[in-house]
Protein backbone atom coordinates (compact mmCIF):
# COMPACT_ATOMS: atom_id res chain seq x y z
CA MET A 1 76.20 198.58 133.32
CA SER A 2 78.23 196.33 131.06
CA GLU A 3 81.32 194.43 132.10
CA SER A 4 84.73 195.86 131.36
CA PHE A 5 87.38 194.19 129.23
CA VAL A 6 90.88 195.60 129.47
CA ILE A 7 93.79 194.69 127.25
CA VAL A 8 97.16 195.84 128.53
CA MET A 9 99.30 196.43 125.46
CA ALA A 10 103.03 196.48 126.25
CA ALA A 11 104.24 195.21 122.87
CA GLY A 12 105.15 197.86 120.37
CA PRO A 13 106.56 198.47 116.92
CA ASN A 14 109.72 196.59 117.89
CA MET A 15 107.58 193.40 117.87
CA PRO A 16 105.09 194.01 115.05
CA GLU A 17 103.90 190.38 115.01
CA ARG A 18 102.36 190.96 118.46
CA CYS A 19 100.53 194.17 117.57
CA ALA A 20 97.43 193.13 115.62
CA THR A 21 95.85 190.50 117.89
CA PRO A 22 95.14 192.81 120.84
CA PHE A 23 93.14 195.20 118.69
CA TYR A 24 91.36 192.34 116.94
CA MET A 25 90.42 190.82 120.31
CA ALA A 26 89.32 194.23 121.59
CA SER A 27 87.00 194.55 118.57
CA MET A 28 85.44 191.19 119.39
CA ALA A 29 85.00 192.11 123.06
CA ALA A 30 83.32 195.39 122.16
CA ALA A 31 81.04 193.58 119.70
CA GLU A 32 80.02 191.29 122.56
CA GLY A 33 78.96 194.32 124.60
CA PHE A 34 81.98 194.81 126.86
CA ASP A 35 83.23 198.30 127.70
CA THR A 36 86.64 197.76 126.16
CA ILE A 37 89.90 199.65 126.49
CA VAL A 38 93.34 198.91 125.10
CA TYR A 39 95.67 200.40 127.71
CA CYS A 40 98.99 201.05 125.99
CA THR A 41 102.03 201.05 128.24
CA SER A 42 105.76 200.47 127.87
CA MET A 43 106.59 199.99 124.16
CA GLY A 44 102.87 199.81 123.32
CA THR A 45 102.57 203.53 123.95
CA LEU A 46 104.59 204.13 120.78
CA LEU A 47 101.70 202.69 118.72
CA LEU A 48 99.65 205.72 119.74
CA LYS A 49 102.24 208.12 118.37
CA LYS A 50 101.17 209.78 115.13
CA GLY A 51 102.47 207.84 112.11
CA VAL A 52 103.83 204.83 113.98
CA ALA A 53 100.90 202.40 113.69
CA GLU A 54 100.53 203.28 109.99
CA ASN A 55 104.10 202.08 109.46
CA THR A 56 103.95 198.94 111.60
CA PHE A 57 103.00 195.77 109.72
CA PRO A 58 102.37 192.57 111.75
CA MET A 59 102.62 190.35 108.67
CA GLY A 60 105.27 192.38 106.87
CA GLU A 61 104.98 194.93 104.11
CA GLY A 62 101.89 194.46 101.98
CA GLY A 63 99.73 193.25 104.88
CA GLN A 64 97.42 195.34 107.00
CA SER A 65 99.01 197.96 109.20
CA VAL A 66 98.43 198.13 112.94
CA ALA A 67 96.56 201.38 112.26
CA GLN A 68 93.97 199.39 110.29
CA PHE A 69 93.44 197.02 113.23
CA MET A 70 93.21 199.99 115.58
CA GLN A 71 90.64 201.67 113.33
CA MET A 72 88.53 198.50 113.29
CA ALA A 73 88.66 198.42 117.10
CA MET A 74 87.71 202.07 117.47
CA GLN A 75 84.79 201.63 115.07
CA ALA A 76 83.56 198.87 117.40
CA GLY A 77 83.70 201.31 120.32
CA VAL A 78 87.09 200.41 121.81
CA LYS A 79 88.86 203.16 123.74
CA LEU A 80 92.62 203.65 123.50
CA GLY A 81 94.47 204.67 126.65
CA ALA A 82 97.98 206.12 126.71
CA CYS A 83 100.00 205.51 129.88
CA MET A 84 101.40 208.88 130.91
CA PRO A 85 104.52 207.49 132.64
CA SER A 86 105.32 205.52 129.48
CA MET A 87 104.84 208.65 127.42
CA GLU A 88 107.37 210.42 129.63
CA MET A 89 109.78 207.49 129.19
CA HIS A 90 109.53 207.90 125.40
CA ARG A 91 109.68 211.70 125.66
CA MET A 92 106.21 211.99 124.15
CA THR A 93 103.66 214.74 124.76
CA GLN A 94 99.95 214.82 124.13
CA ASP A 95 100.70 216.55 120.81
CA ASP A 96 102.51 213.38 119.68
CA LEU A 97 99.42 211.20 120.17
CA ILE A 98 96.76 210.29 117.66
CA PRO A 99 93.57 212.26 118.43
CA GLU A 100 91.66 209.15 119.54
CA ALA A 101 94.07 208.31 122.38
CA GLU A 102 93.11 209.26 125.92
CA LEU A 103 95.78 210.19 128.46
CA VAL A 104 95.75 207.87 131.47
CA SER A 105 97.66 208.78 134.63
CA ALA A 106 99.50 206.08 136.59
CA ALA A 107 96.80 206.09 139.28
CA ALA A 108 93.96 205.94 136.75
CA GLY A 109 95.75 203.16 134.83
CA PHE A 110 96.08 201.13 138.00
CA GLU A 111 92.38 201.65 138.72
CA VAL A 112 91.36 200.58 135.21
CA VAL A 113 93.41 197.39 135.48
CA ALA A 114 92.42 196.63 139.10
CA ASN A 115 88.70 197.01 138.40
CA ALA A 116 88.58 195.13 135.09
CA ASP A 117 86.08 192.29 134.85
CA LYS A 118 88.24 190.67 132.16
CA LEU A 119 91.92 191.38 131.65
CA ILE A 120 94.54 190.13 129.22
CA SER A 121 98.02 191.37 128.49
CA PHE A 122 100.20 191.48 125.38
């Protein structure tokens, strides 16, 4: 069983400059053999809403979108978790999420974070 690497992503489209690095780091962790999940909570949950990451640019217009960084991470095997309480806060439903996002209940989110071998937060 490989070690787990969890990135708690609380930054969202309101702070685009903070939105690329977590997915880049997740890609590296997955490439190193870690079971890797980016757990999106708070404002980070908005990045999993259809169309939002495609229109969020960490380096401004003309640079790569957050969606491109997310795609790179998913291709490396990174899982994307959507915090259900945060979804409720933003009045989001499962239909609002990109297909790759997995719903994570509050209890399951706590378990993922509590049992992580490596954990960082953005």
